[in-house]
PDB file of N, CA and C in Angstrom:
ATOM      1  N   MET A   1      -7.479   9.640 -14.888  1.00  0.00           N
ATOM      2  CA  MET A   1      -7.278   8.386 -15.576  1.00  0.00           C
ATOM      3  C   MET A   1      -8.587   7.612 -15.713  1.00  0.00           C
ATOM      4  N   LEU A   2      -9.458   7.717 -14.712  1.00  0.00           N
ATOM      5  CA  LEU A   2     -10.705   6.961 -14.764  1.00  0.00           C
ATOM      6  C   LEU A   2     -11.583   7.416 -15.923  1.00  0.00           C
ATOM      7  N   VAL A   3     -11.608   8.709 -16.153  1.00  0.00           N
ATOM      8  CA  VAL A   3     -12.407   9.224 -17.274  1.00  0.00           C
ATOM      9  C   VAL A   3     -11.841   8.713 -18.594  1.00  0.00           C
ATOM     10  N   LEU A   4     -10.522   8.653 -18.698  1.00  0.00           N
ATOM     11  CA  LEU A   4      -9.913   8.118 -19.922  1.00  0.00           C
ATOM     12  C   LEU A   4     -10.275   6.647 -20.126  1.00  0.00           C
ATOM     13  N   LEU A   5     -10.381   5.902 -19.035  1.00  0.00           N
ATOM     14  CA  LEU A   5     -10.828   4.506 -19.151  1.00  0.00           C
ATOM     15  C   LEU A   5     -12.255   4.448 -19.680  1.00  0.00           C
ATOM     16  N   LEU A   6     -13.108   5.304 -19.139  1.00  0.00           N
ATOM     17  CA  LEU A   6     -14.511   5.319 -19.586  1.00  0.00           C
ATOM     18  C   LEU A   6     -14.641   5.770 -21.042  1.00  0.00           C
ATOM     19  N   ARG A   7     -13.684   6.549 -21.493  1.00  0.00           N
ATOM     20  CA  ARG A   7     -13.686   7.001 -22.891  1.00  0.00           C
ATOM     21  C   ARG A   7     -12.945   6.027 -23.806  1.00  0.00           C
ATOM     22  N   ASN A   8     -12.511   4.911 -23.249  1.00  0.00           N
ATOM     23  CA  ASN A   8     -11.794   3.867 -23.995  1.00  0.00           C
ATOM     24  C   ASN A   8     -10.516   4.374 -24.652  1.00  0.00           C
ATOM     25  N   ASP A   9      -9.814   5.260 -23.969  1.00  0.00           N
ATOM     26  CA  ASP A   9      -8.510   5.710 -24.441  1.00  0.00           C
ATOM     27  C   ASP A   9      -7.587   4.493 -24.520  1.00  0.00           C
ATOM     28  N   THR A  10      -7.074   4.210 -25.693  1.00  0.00           N
ATOM     29  CA  THR A  10      -6.316   2.984 -25.950  1.00  0.00           C
ATOM     30  C   THR A  10      -5.154   2.788 -24.978  1.00  0.00           C
ATOM     31  N   ALA A  11      -4.323   3.791 -24.808  1.00  0.00           N
ATOM     32  CA  ALA A  11      -3.147   3.658 -23.935  1.00  0.00           C
ATOM     33  C   ALA A  11      -3.565   3.417 -22.483  1.00  0.00           C
ATOM     34  N   THR A  12      -4.597   4.110 -22.042  1.00  0.00           N
ATOM     35  CA  THR A  12      -5.056   3.967 -20.660  1.00  0.00           C
ATOM     36  C   THR A  12      -5.687   2.607 -20.428  1.00  0.00           C
ATOM     37  N   VAL A  13      -6.480   2.131 -21.373  1.00  0.00           N
ATOM     38  CA  VAL A  13      -7.092   0.801 -21.263  1.00  0.00           C
ATOM     39  C   VAL A  13      -6.008  -0.263 -21.214  1.00  0.00           C
ATOM     40  N   GLU A  14      -4.992  -0.140 -22.042  1.00  0.00           N
ATOM     41  CA  GLU A  14      -3.882  -1.102 -22.048  1.00  0.00           C
ATOM     42  C   GLU A  14      -3.129  -1.070 -20.717  1.00  0.00           C
ATOM     43  N   TRP A  15      -2.875   0.125 -20.206  1.00  0.00           N
ATOM     44  CA  TRP A  15      -2.210   0.262 -18.911  1.00  0.00           C
ATOM     45  C   TRP A  15      -3.024  -0.442 -17.821  1.00  0.00           C
ATOM     46  N   MET A  16      -4.330  -0.215 -17.829  1.00  0.00           N
ATOM     47  CA  MET A  16      -5.213  -0.815 -16.820  1.00  0.00           C
ATOM     48  C   MET A  16      -5.164  -2.341 -16.898  1.00  0.00           C
ATOM     49  N   LYS A  17      -5.227  -2.887 -18.091  1.00  0.00           N
ATOM     50  CA  LYS A  17      -5.169  -4.348 -18.257  1.00  0.00           C
ATOM     51  C   LYS A  17      -3.861  -4.898 -17.700  1.00  0.00           C
ATOM     52  N   ASN A  18      -2.757  -4.246 -18.005  1.00  0.00           N
ATOM     53  CA  ASN A  18      -1.451  -4.689 -17.505  1.00  0.00           C
ATOM     54  C   ASN A  18      -1.394  -4.622 -15.985  1.00  0.00           C
ATOM     55  N   GLN A  19      -1.897  -3.534 -15.422  1.00  0.00           N
ATOM     56  CA  GLN A  19      -1.843  -3.364 -13.973  1.00  0.00           C
ATOM     57  C   GLN A  19      -2.752  -4.349 -13.245  1.00  0.00           C
ATOM     58  N   GLU A  20      -3.932  -4.574 -13.786  1.00  0.00           N
ATOM     59  CA  GLU A  20      -4.870  -5.503 -13.141  1.00  0.00           C
ATOM     60  C   GLU A  20      -4.283  -6.900 -13.023  1.00  0.00           C
ATOM     61  N   SER A  21      -3.475  -7.290 -13.986  1.00  0.00           N
ATOM     62  CA  SER A  21      -2.892  -8.636 -13.958  1.00  0.00           C
ATOM     63  C   SER A  21      -1.744  -8.730 -12.953  1.00  0.00           C
ATOM     64  N   GLN A  22      -1.207  -7.597 -12.516  1.00  0.00           N
ATOM     65  CA  GLN A  22      -0.036  -7.594 -11.643  1.00  0.00           C
ATOM     66  C   GLN A  22      -0.317  -7.174 -10.203  1.00  0.00           C
ATOM     67  N   SER A  23      -1.339  -6.367  -9.986  1.00  0.00           N
ATOM     68  CA  SER A  23      -1.526  -5.809  -8.650  1.00  0.00           C
ATOM     69  C   SER A  23      -2.965  -5.372  -8.412  1.00  0.00           C
ATOM     70  N   LEU A  24      -3.241  -5.028  -7.168  1.00  0.00           N
ATOM     71  CA  LEU A  24      -4.541  -4.476  -6.816  1.00  0.00           C
ATOM     72  C   LEU A  24      -4.581  -3.013  -7.243  1.00  0.00           C
ATOM     73  N   LEU A  25      -5.729  -2.579  -7.702  1.00  0.00           N
ATOM     74  CA  LEU A  25      -5.885  -1.184  -8.105  1.00  0.00           C
ATOM     75  C   LEU A  25      -6.913  -0.511  -7.194  1.00  0.00           C
ATOM     76  N   PHE A  26      -6.618   0.730  -6.840  1.00  0.00           N
ATOM     77  CA  PHE A  26      -7.443   1.474  -5.906  1.00  0.00           C
ATOM     78  C   PHE A  26      -7.918   2.771  -6.528  1.00  0.00           C
ATOM     79  N   THR A  27      -9.003   3.273  -5.984  1.00  0.00           N
ATOM     80  CA  THR A  27      -9.452   4.624  -6.247  1.00  0.00           C
ATOM     81  C   THR A  27     -10.021   5.126  -4.927  1.00  0.00           C
ATOM     82  N   THR A  28     -10.606   6.298  -4.928  1.00  0.00           N
ATOM     83  CA  THR A  28     -11.185   6.842  -3.700  1.00  0.00           C
ATOM     84  C   THR A  28     -12.667   7.143  -3.918  1.00  0.00           C
ATOM     85  N   TYR A  29     -13.377   7.301  -2.822  1.00  0.00           N
ATOM     86  CA  TYR A  29     -14.777   7.699  -2.943  1.00  0.00           C
ATOM     87  C   TYR A  29     -14.902   9.107  -3.524  1.00  0.00           C
ATOM     88  N   VAL A  30     -13.874   9.912  -3.385  1.00  0.00           N
ATOM     89  CA  VAL A  30     -13.887  11.237  -4.013  1.00  0.00           C
ATOM     90  C   VAL A  30     -13.884  11.080  -5.534  1.00  0.00           C
ATOM     91  N   ASN A  31     -13.043  10.145  -6.039  1.00  0.00           N
ATOM     92  CA  ASN A  31     -13.043   9.873  -7.477  1.00  0.00           C
ATOM     93  C   ASN A  31     -14.396   9.312  -7.922  1.00  0.00           C
ATOM     94  N   ALA A  32     -14.972   8.430  -7.116  1.00  0.00           N
ATOM     95  CA  ALA A  32     -16.278   7.868  -7.446  1.00  0.00           C
ATOM     96  C   ALA A  32     -17.314   8.986  -7.551  1.00  0.00           C
ATOM     97  N   PHE A  33     -17.276   9.921  -6.620  1.00  0.00           N
ATOM     98  CA  PHE A  33     -18.165  11.082  -6.651  1.00  0.00           C
ATOM     99  C   PHE A  33     -18.008  11.844  -7.967  1.00  0.00           C
ATOM    100  N   GLU A  34     -16.754  12.067  -8.390  1.00  0.00           N
ATOM    101  CA  GLU A  34     -16.509  12.786  -9.640  1.00  0.00           C
ATOM    102  C   GLU A  34     -17.077  12.030 -10.839  1.00  0.00           C
ATOM    103  N   LEU A  35     -16.931  10.702 -10.841  1.00  0.00           N
ATOM    104  CA  LEU A  35     -17.491   9.904 -11.942  1.00  0.00           C
ATOM    105  C   LEU A  35     -19.005  10.016 -11.981  1.00  0.00           C
ATOM    106  N   TYR A  36     -19.636   9.923 -10.821  1.00  0.00           N
ATOM    107  CA  TYR A  36     -21.096  10.018 -10.780  1.00  0.00           C
ATOM    108  C   TYR A  36     -21.586  11.416 -11.164  1.00  0.00           C
ATOM    109  N   CYS A  37     -20.862  12.450 -10.773  1.00  0.00           N
ATOM    110  CA  CYS A  37     -21.234  13.809 -11.187  1.00  0.00           C
ATOM    111  C   CYS A  37     -21.257  13.909 -12.703  1.00  0.00           C
ATOM    112  N   GLY A  38     -20.203  13.400 -13.328  1.00  0.00           N
ATOM    113  CA  GLY A  38     -20.130  13.434 -14.787  1.00  0.00           C
ATOM    114  C   GLY A  38     -21.226  12.613 -15.437  1.00  0.00           C
ATOM    115  N   ALA A  39     -21.517  11.447 -14.882  1.00  0.00           N
ATOM    116  CA  ALA A  39     -22.552  10.578 -15.459  1.00  0.00           C
ATOM    117  C   ALA A  39     -23.930  11.230 -15.363  1.00  0.00           C
ATOM    118  N   TYR A  40     -24.251  11.771 -14.195  1.00  0.00           N
ATOM    119  CA  TYR A  40     -25.569  12.388 -14.022  1.00  0.00           C
ATOM    120  C   TYR A  40     -25.737  13.653 -14.857  1.00  0.00           C
ATOM    121  N   ALA A  41     -24.631  14.338 -15.151  1.00  0.00           N
ATOM    122  CA  ALA A  41     -24.703  15.567 -15.938  1.00  0.00           C
ATOM    123  C   ALA A  41     -24.661  15.310 -17.446  1.00  0.00           C
ATOM    124  N   SER A  42     -24.451  14.056 -17.836  1.00  0.00           N
ATOM    125  CA  SER A  42     -24.261  13.751 -19.255  1.00  0.00           C
ATOM    126  C   SER A  42     -25.578  13.540 -19.993  1.00  0.00           C
ATOM    127  N   THR A  43     -25.486  13.563 -21.290  1.00  0.00           N
ATOM    128  CA  THR A  43     -26.635  13.300 -22.139  1.00  0.00           C
ATOM    129  C   THR A  43     -27.059  11.842 -22.060  1.00  0.00           C
ATOM    130  N   TYR A  44     -26.088  10.942 -21.939  1.00  0.00           N
ATOM    131  CA  TYR A  44     -26.343   9.498 -21.882  1.00  0.00           C
ATOM    132  C   TYR A  44     -26.230   9.012 -20.445  1.00  0.00           C
ATOM    133  N   LYS A  45     -27.093   9.549 -19.589  1.00  0.00           N
ATOM    134  CA  LYS A  45     -27.004   9.322 -18.152  1.00  0.00           C
ATOM    135  C   LYS A  45     -26.980   7.844 -17.773  1.00  0.00           C
ATOM    136  N   GLU A  46     -27.934   7.063 -18.217  1.00  0.00           N
ATOM    137  CA  GLU A  46     -28.020   5.659 -17.805  1.00  0.00           C
ATOM    138  C   GLU A  46     -26.803   4.860 -18.275  1.00  0.00           C
ATOM    139  N   GLN A  47     -26.397   5.072 -19.502  1.00  0.00           N
ATOM    140  CA  GLN A  47     -25.222   4.381 -20.046  1.00  0.00           C
ATOM    141  C   GLN A  47     -23.974   4.743 -19.257  1.00  0.00           C
ATOM    142  N   ASN A  48     -23.801   6.008 -18.954  1.00  0.00           N
ATOM    143  CA  ASN A  48     -22.616   6.451 -18.228  1.00  0.00           C
ATOM    144  C   ASN A  48     -22.648   6.038 -16.758  1.00  0.00           C
ATOM    145  N   LEU A  49     -23.825   5.981 -16.165  1.00  0.00           N
ATOM    146  CA  LEU A  49     -23.938   5.470 -14.794  1.00  0.00           C
ATOM    147  C   LEU A  49     -23.526   3.998 -14.733  1.00  0.00           C
ATOM    148  N   ARG A  50     -23.985   3.221 -15.690  1.00  0.00           N
ATOM    149  CA  ARG A  50     -23.612   1.797 -15.759  1.00  0.00           C
ATOM    150  C   ARG A  50     -22.103   1.634 -15.926  1.00  0.00           C
ATOM    151  N   ALA A  51     -21.535   2.431 -16.822  1.00  0.00           N
ATOM    152  CA  ALA A  51     -20.098   2.343 -17.074  1.00  0.00           C
ATOM    153  C   ALA A  51     -19.304   2.721 -15.816  1.00  0.00           C
ATOM    154  N   ALA A  52     -19.733   3.747 -15.117  1.00  0.00           N
ATOM    155  CA  ALA A  52     -19.050   4.159 -13.886  1.00  0.00           C
ATOM    156  C   ALA A  52     -19.137   3.055 -12.831  1.00  0.00           C
ATOM    157  N   GLN A  53     -20.319   2.476 -12.673  1.00  0.00           N
ATOM    158  CA  GLN A  53     -20.494   1.400 -11.693  1.00  0.00           C
ATOM    159  C   GLN A  53     -19.638   0.187 -12.036  1.00  0.00           C
ATOM    160  N   GLU A  54     -19.587  -0.178 -13.293  1.00  0.00           N
ATOM    161  CA  GLU A  54     -18.782  -1.326 -13.714  1.00  0.00           C
ATOM    162  C   GLU A  54     -17.294  -1.070 -13.462  1.00  0.00           C
ATOM    163  N   LEU A  55     -16.837   0.126 -13.745  1.00  0.00           N
ATOM    164  CA  LEU A  55     -15.437   0.461 -13.501  1.00  0.00           C
ATOM    165  C   LEU A  55     -15.137   0.411 -12.003  1.00  0.00           C
ATOM    166  N   LEU A  56     -15.996   1.012 -11.197  1.00  0.00           N
ATOM    167  CA  LEU A  56     -15.755   1.041  -9.754  1.00  0.00           C
ATOM    168  C   LEU A  56     -15.761  -0.359  -9.141  1.00  0.00           C
ATOM    169  N   GLN A  57     -16.499  -1.285  -9.725  1.00  0.00           N
ATOM    170  CA  GLN A  57     -16.513  -2.659  -9.223  1.00  0.00           C
ATOM    171  C   GLN A  57     -15.173  -3.362  -9.462  1.00  0.00           C
ATOM    172  N   ARG A  58     -14.392  -2.872 -10.385  1.00  0.00           N
ATOM    173  CA  ARG A  58     -13.075  -3.464 -10.689  1.00  0.00           C
ATOM    174  C   ARG A  58     -11.988  -2.952  -9.749  1.00  0.00           C
ATOM    175  N   LEU A  59     -12.303  -1.941  -8.955  1.00  0.00           N
ATOM    176  CA  LEU A  59     -11.312  -1.272  -8.123  1.00  0.00           C
ATOM    177  C   LEU A  59     -11.657  -1.397  -6.644  1.00  0.00           C
ATOM    178  N   HIS A  60     -10.646  -1.308  -5.804  1.00  0.00           N
ATOM    179  CA  HIS A  60     -10.847  -1.198  -4.367  1.00  0.00           C
ATOM    180  C   HIS A  60     -11.017   0.289  -4.079  1.00  0.00           C
ATOM    181  N   VAL A  61     -12.099   0.644  -3.407  1.00  0.00           N
ATOM    182  CA  VAL A  61     -12.397   2.062  -3.187  1.00  0.00           C
ATOM    183  C   VAL A  61     -12.021   2.442  -1.755  1.00  0.00           C
ATOM    184  N   LEU A  62     -11.161   3.442  -1.641  1.00  0.00           N
ATOM    185  CA  LEU A  62     -10.677   3.910  -0.344  1.00  0.00           C
ATOM    186  C   LEU A  62     -11.488   5.114   0.129  1.00  0.00           C
ATOM    187  N   ASN A  63     -11.710   5.162   1.427  1.00  0.00           N
ATOM    188  CA  ASN A  63     -12.493   6.238   2.015  1.00  0.00           C
ATOM    189  C   ASN A  63     -11.586   7.192   2.786  1.00  0.00           C
ATOM    190  N   LEU A  64     -12.147   8.303   3.173  1.00  0.00           N
ATOM    191  CA  LEU A  64     -11.455   9.207   4.073  1.00  0.00           C
ATOM    192  C   LEU A  64     -11.255   8.496   5.411  1.00  0.00           C
ATOM    193  N   SER A  65     -10.215   8.857   6.103  1.00  0.00           N
ATOM    194  CA  SER A  65      -9.952   8.331   7.434  1.00  0.00           C
ATOM    195  C   SER A  65      -9.547   9.502   8.323  1.00  0.00           C
ATOM    196  N   PRO A  66      -9.568   9.305   9.627  1.00  0.00           N
ATOM    197  CA  PRO A  66      -9.106  10.397  10.495  1.00  0.00           C
ATOM    198  C   PRO A  66      -7.687  10.860  10.135  1.00  0.00           C
ATOM    199  N   GLU A  67      -6.810   9.923   9.813  1.00  0.00           N
ATOM    200  CA  GLU A  67      -5.439  10.285   9.471  1.00  0.00           C
ATOM    201  C   GLU A  67      -5.372  11.047   8.144  1.00  0.00           C
ATOM    202  N   SER A  68      -6.156  10.616   7.142  1.00  0.00           N
ATOM    203  CA  SER A  68      -6.086  11.290   5.839  1.00  0.00           C
ATOM    204  C   SER A  68      -6.649  12.708   5.908  1.00  0.00           C
ATOM    205  N   VAL A  69      -7.707  12.932   6.678  1.00  0.00           N
ATOM    206  CA  VAL A  69      -8.250  14.298   6.757  1.00  0.00           C
ATOM    207  C   VAL A  69      -7.362  15.196   7.601  1.00  0.00           C
ATOM    208  N   ARG A  70      -6.726  14.643   8.636  1.00  0.00           N
ATOM    209  CA  ARG A  70      -5.772  15.434   9.416  1.00  0.00           C
ATOM    210  C   ARG A  70      -4.604  15.856   8.518  1.00  0.00           C
ATOM    211  N   HIS A  71      -4.102  14.894   7.772  1.00  0.00           N
ATOM    212  CA  HIS A  71      -2.977  15.186   6.876  1.00  0.00           C
ATOM    213  C   HIS A  71      -3.399  16.185   5.793  1.00  0.00           C
ATOM    214  N   ALA A  72      -4.598  16.031   5.272  1.00  0.00           N
ATOM    215  CA  ALA A  72      -5.102  16.968   4.256  1.00  0.00           C
ATOM    216  C   ALA A  72      -5.166  18.386   4.807  1.00  0.00           C
ATOM    217  N   GLY A  73      -5.626  18.528   6.035  1.00  0.00           N
ATOM    218  CA  GLY A  73      -5.677  19.851   6.656  1.00  0.00           C
ATOM    219  C   GLY A  73      -4.302  20.470   6.792  1.00  0.00           C
ATOM    220  N   ASP A  74      -3.328  19.668   7.186  1.00  0.00           N
ATOM    221  CA  ASP A  74      -1.949  20.133   7.331  1.00  0.00           C
ATOM    222  C   ASP A  74      -1.380  20.571   5.976  1.00  0.00           C
ATOM    223  N   VAL A  75      -1.551  19.726   4.967  1.00  0.00           N
ATOM    224  CA  VAL A  75      -1.023  20.047   3.633  1.00  0.00           C
ATOM    225  C   VAL A  75      -1.731  21.272   3.058  1.00  0.00           C
ATOM    226  N   TRP A  76      -3.043  21.359   3.226  1.00  0.00           N
ATOM    227  CA  TRP A  76      -3.800  22.506   2.717  1.00  0.00           C
ATOM    228  C   TRP A  76      -3.277  23.803   3.318  1.00  0.00           C
ATOM    229  N   ALA A  77      -3.080  23.810   4.642  1.00  0.00           N
ATOM    230  CA  ALA A  77      -2.604  25.023   5.316  1.00  0.00           C
ATOM    231  C   ALA A  77      -1.228  25.426   4.784  1.00  0.00           C
ATOM    232  N   THR A  78      -0.350  24.454   4.612  1.00  0.00           N
ATOM    233  CA  THR A  78       0.998  24.745   4.099  1.00  0.00           C
ATOM    234  C   THR A  78       0.931  25.289   2.680  1.00  0.00           C
ATOM    235  N   LEU A  79       0.153  24.633   1.816  1.00  0.00           N
ATOM    236  CA  LEU A  79       0.051  25.080   0.419  1.00  0.00           C
ATOM    237  C   LEU A  79      -0.594  26.457   0.321  1.00  0.00           C
ATOM    238  N   LYS A  80      -1.612  26.698   1.138  1.00  0.00           N
ATOM    239  CA  LYS A  80      -2.268  28.011   1.106  1.00  0.00           C
ATOM    240  C   LYS A  80      -1.296  29.106   1.539  1.00  0.00           C
ATOM    241  N   THR A  81      -0.539  28.837   2.569  1.00  0.00           N
ATOM    242  CA  THR A  81       0.428  29.807   3.075  1.00  0.00           C
ATOM    243  C   THR A  81       1.477  30.160   2.031  1.00  0.00           C
ATOM    244  N   THR A  82       1.850  29.175   1.219  1.00  0.00           N
ATOM    245  CA  THR A  82       2.885  29.413   0.197  1.00  0.00           C
ATOM    246  C   THR A  82       2.301  29.826  -1.153  1.00  0.00           C
ATOM    247  N   GLY A  83       0.975  30.023  -1.207  1.00  0.00           N
ATOM    248  CA  GLY A  83       0.340  30.447  -2.452  1.00  0.00           C
ATOM    249  C   GLY A  83       0.242  29.347  -3.494  1.00  0.00           C
ATOM    250  N   GLN A  84       0.261  28.069  -3.057  1.00  0.00           N
ATOM    251  CA  GLN A  84       0.218  26.941  -3.982  1.00  0.00           C
ATOM    252  C   GLN A  84      -0.981  26.036  -3.740  1.00  0.00           C
ATOM    253  N   ALA A  85      -2.062  26.568  -3.195  1.00  0.00           N
ATOM    254  CA  ALA A  85      -3.229  25.755  -2.866  1.00  0.00           C
ATOM    255  C   ALA A  85      -3.744  25.003  -4.094  1.00  0.00           C
ATOM    256  N   ILE A  86      -4.278  23.811  -3.842  1.00  0.00           N
ATOM    257  CA  ILE A  86      -4.870  23.005  -4.908  1.00  0.00           C
ATOM    258  C   ILE A  86      -6.337  22.757  -4.575  1.00  0.00           C
ATOM    259  N   GLU A  87      -7.078  22.305  -5.554  1.00  0.00           N
ATOM    260  CA  GLU A  87      -8.506  22.014  -5.387  1.00  0.00           C
ATOM    261  C   GLU A  87      -8.685  20.981  -4.270  1.00  0.00           C
ATOM    262  N   ILE A  88      -9.674  21.197  -3.423  1.00  0.00           N
ATOM    263  CA  ILE A  88      -9.901  20.347  -2.251  1.00  0.00           C
ATOM    264  C   ILE A  88     -10.076  18.881  -2.638  1.00  0.00           C
ATOM    265  N   ARG A  89     -10.802  18.590  -3.715  1.00  0.00           N
ATOM    266  CA  ARG A  89     -10.975  17.177  -4.109  1.00  0.00           C
ATOM    267  C   ARG A  89      -9.632  16.536  -4.437  1.00  0.00           C
ATOM    268  N   ASP A  90      -8.774  17.254  -5.151  1.00  0.00           N
ATOM    269  CA  ASP A  90      -7.444  16.724  -5.464  1.00  0.00           C
ATOM    270  C   ASP A  90      -6.635  16.511  -4.191  1.00  0.00           C
ATOM    271  N   LEU A  91      -6.735  17.437  -3.265  1.00  0.00           N
ATOM    272  CA  LEU A  91      -6.034  17.315  -1.991  1.00  0.00           C
ATOM    273  C   LEU A  91      -6.491  16.064  -1.239  1.00  0.00           C
ATOM    274  N   LEU A  92      -7.797  15.834  -1.185  1.00  0.00           N
ATOM    275  CA  LEU A  92      -8.323  14.655  -0.487  1.00  0.00           C
ATOM    276  C   LEU A  92      -7.905  13.365  -1.183  1.00  0.00           C
ATOM    277  N   ILE A  93      -7.996  13.323  -2.496  1.00  0.00           N
ATOM    278  CA  ILE A  93      -7.579  12.136  -3.253  1.00  0.00           C
ATOM    279  C   ILE A  93      -6.103  11.850  -2.973  1.00  0.00           C
ATOM    280  N   GLY A  94      -5.284  12.873  -3.055  1.00  0.00           N
ATOM    281  CA  GLY A  94      -3.851  12.702  -2.856  1.00  0.00           C
ATOM    282  C   GLY A  94      -3.491  12.273  -1.451  1.00  0.00           C
ATOM    283  N   THR A  95      -4.118  12.860  -0.450  1.00  0.00           N
ATOM    284  CA  THR A  95      -3.764  12.488   0.925  1.00  0.00           C
ATOM    285  C   THR A  95      -4.322  11.114   1.297  1.00  0.00           C
ATOM    286  N   ILE A  96      -5.456  10.727   0.732  1.00  0.00           N
ATOM    287  CA  ILE A  96      -5.941   9.357   0.953  1.00  0.00           C
ATOM    288  C   ILE A  96      -4.924   8.375   0.385  1.00  0.00           C
ATOM    289  N   ALA A  97      -4.482   8.613  -0.837  1.00  0.00           N
ATOM    290  CA  ALA A  97      -3.487   7.730  -1.468  1.00  0.00           C
ATOM    291  C   ALA A  97      -2.208   7.683  -0.644  1.00  0.00           C
ATOM    292  N   LEU A  98      -1.735   8.821  -0.209  1.00  0.00           N
ATOM    293  CA  LEU A  98      -0.499   8.886   0.564  1.00  0.00           C
ATOM    294  C   LEU A  98      -0.613   8.106   1.873  1.00  0.00           C
ATOM    295  N   VAL A  99      -1.664   8.360   2.618  1.00  0.00           N
ATOM    296  CA  VAL A  99      -1.855   7.692   3.912  1.00  0.00           C
ATOM    297  C   VAL A  99      -2.019   6.188   3.739  1.00  0.00           C
ATOM    298  N   GLU A 100      -2.638   5.762   2.648  1.00  0.00           N
ATOM    299  CA  GLU A 100      -2.857   4.328   2.397  1.00  0.00           C
ATOM    300  C   GLU A 100      -1.653   3.655   1.734  1.00  0.00           C
ATOM    301  N   GLY A 101      -0.619   4.442   1.438  1.00  0.00           N
ATOM    302  CA  GLY A 101       0.593   3.877   0.846  1.00  0.00           C
ATOM    303  C   GLY A 101       0.473   3.549  -0.630  1.00  0.00           C
ATOM    304  N   CYS A 102      -0.386   4.261  -1.323  1.00  0.00           N
ATOM    305  CA  CYS A 102      -0.612   4.011  -2.751  1.00  0.00           C
ATOM    306  C   CYS A 102       0.117   5.042  -3.605  1.00  0.00           C
ATOM    307  N   ARG A 103       0.534   4.603  -4.781  1.00  0.00           N
ATOM    308  CA  ARG A 103       1.032   5.514  -5.809  1.00  0.00           C
ATOM    309  C   ARG A 103      -0.197   6.105  -6.500  1.00  0.00           C
ATOM    310  N   LEU A 104      -0.041   7.276  -7.088  1.00  0.00           N
ATOM    311  CA  LEU A 104      -1.161   7.915  -7.769  1.00  0.00           C
ATOM    312  C   LEU A 104      -0.868   8.022  -9.252  1.00  0.00           C
ATOM    313  N   LYS A 105      -1.710   7.424 -10.063  1.00  0.00           N
ATOM    314  CA  LYS A 105      -1.608   7.511 -11.524  1.00  0.00           C
ATOM    315  C   LYS A 105      -2.566   8.605 -11.981  1.00  0.00           C
ATOM    316  N   THR A 106      -2.023   9.634 -12.616  1.00  0.00           N
ATOM    317  CA  THR A 106      -2.847  10.766 -13.021  1.00  0.00           C
ATOM    318  C   THR A 106      -2.211  11.506 -14.188  1.00  0.00           C
ATOM    319  N   LYS A 107      -3.029  12.212 -14.927  1.00  0.00           N
ATOM    320  CA  LYS A 107      -2.531  13.126 -15.951  1.00  0.00           C
ATOM    321  C   LYS A 107      -2.334  14.516 -15.346  1.00  0.00           C
ATOM    322  N   ASN A 108      -2.881  14.736 -14.151  1.00  0.00           N
ATOM    323  CA  ASN A 108      -2.833  16.033 -13.477  1.00  0.00           C
ATOM    324  C   ASN A 108      -1.675  16.079 -12.478  1.00  0.00           C
ATOM    325  N   THR A 109      -0.479  15.854 -12.949  1.00  0.00           N
ATOM    326  CA  THR A 109       0.658  15.826 -12.037  1.00  0.00           C
ATOM    327  C   THR A 109       0.925  17.192 -11.404  1.00  0.00           C
ATOM    328  N   LYS A 110       0.566  18.264 -12.072  1.00  0.00           N
ATOM    329  CA  LYS A 110       0.849  19.621 -11.598  1.00  0.00           C
ATOM    330  C   LYS A 110       0.331  19.841 -10.174  1.00  0.00           C
ATOM    331  N   HIS A 111      -0.891  19.431  -9.899  1.00  0.00           N
ATOM    332  CA  HIS A 111      -1.456  19.628  -8.562  1.00  0.00           C
ATOM    333  C   HIS A 111      -0.964  18.578  -7.574  1.00  0.00           C
ATOM    334  N   PHE A 112      -1.006  17.332  -7.972  1.00  0.00           N
ATOM    335  CA  PHE A 112      -0.693  16.259  -7.034  1.00  0.00           C
ATOM    336  C   PHE A 112       0.766  16.262  -6.597  1.00  0.00           C
ATOM    337  N   GLU A 113       1.670  16.744  -7.421  1.00  0.00           N
ATOM    338  CA  GLU A 113       3.086  16.805  -7.040  1.00  0.00           C
ATOM    339  C   GLU A 113       3.339  17.792  -5.910  1.00  0.00           C
ATOM    340  N   ARG A 114       2.379  18.626  -5.603  1.00  0.00           N
ATOM    341  CA  ARG A 114       2.519  19.578  -4.500  1.00  0.00           C
ATOM    342  C   ARG A 114       2.287  18.921  -3.142  1.00  0.00           C
ATOM    343  N   ILE A 115       1.816  17.696  -3.134  1.00  0.00           N
ATOM    344  CA  ILE A 115       1.569  16.996  -1.862  1.00  0.00           C
ATOM    345  C   ILE A 115       2.848  16.255  -1.483  1.00  0.00           C
ATOM    346  N   PRO A 116       3.524  16.723  -0.443  1.00  0.00           N
ATOM    347  CA  PRO A 116       4.802  16.136  -0.050  1.00  0.00           C
ATOM    348  C   PRO A 116       4.668  14.639   0.280  1.00  0.00           C
ATOM    349  N   GLY A 117       5.576  13.850  -0.293  1.00  0.00           N
ATOM    350  CA  GLY A 117       5.610  12.423  -0.006  1.00  0.00           C
ATOM    351  C   GLY A 117       4.763  11.567  -0.919  1.00  0.00           C
ATOM    352  N   LEU A 118       3.845  12.171  -1.676  1.00  0.00           N
ATOM    353  CA  LEU A 118       2.972  11.406  -2.571  1.00  0.00           C
ATOM    354  C   LEU A 118       3.765  11.010  -3.828  1.00  0.00           C
ATOM    355  N   VAL A 119       3.709   9.736  -4.167  1.00  0.00           N
ATOM    356  CA  VAL A 119       4.375   9.247  -5.373  1.00  0.00           C
ATOM    357  C   VAL A 119       3.371   9.362  -6.522  1.00  0.00           C
ATOM    358  N   VAL A 120       3.720  10.156  -7.525  1.00  0.00           N
ATOM    359  CA  VAL A 120       2.824  10.437  -8.649  1.00  0.00           C
ATOM    360  C   VAL A 120       3.450   9.898  -9.930  1.00  0.00           C
ATOM    361  N   ASP A 121       2.667   9.099 -10.642  1.00  0.00           N
ATOM    362  CA  ASP A 121       3.105   8.550 -11.941  1.00  0.00           C
ATOM    363  C   ASP A 121       2.351   9.251 -13.065  1.00  0.00           C
TER     364      ASP A 121
END
């Protein structure tokens, strides 16, 4: 969703405006890392770095915690055993959100729905 905001996707920008007026919005440092990777790899590095920083300033950024990494390890082992493993960054993002009691807004529901207890929109 963050990339869609940076690309000025109309529906996503409208959703963000509505949500900002009603509640606190969160992201994770893993998401921030992904934004910076994209910005540094882009042709318009400085412009995209500025845009990423401005977006991140609008959000509360959540970090890994002992509980979130423990839970991530548990979920990873279960998913791997059942042949449903997901990308580690997605696993960390999802378990941080779950442990912090946050819903997750994403277009990638396929992976995040594999994390038991995580509410995915």
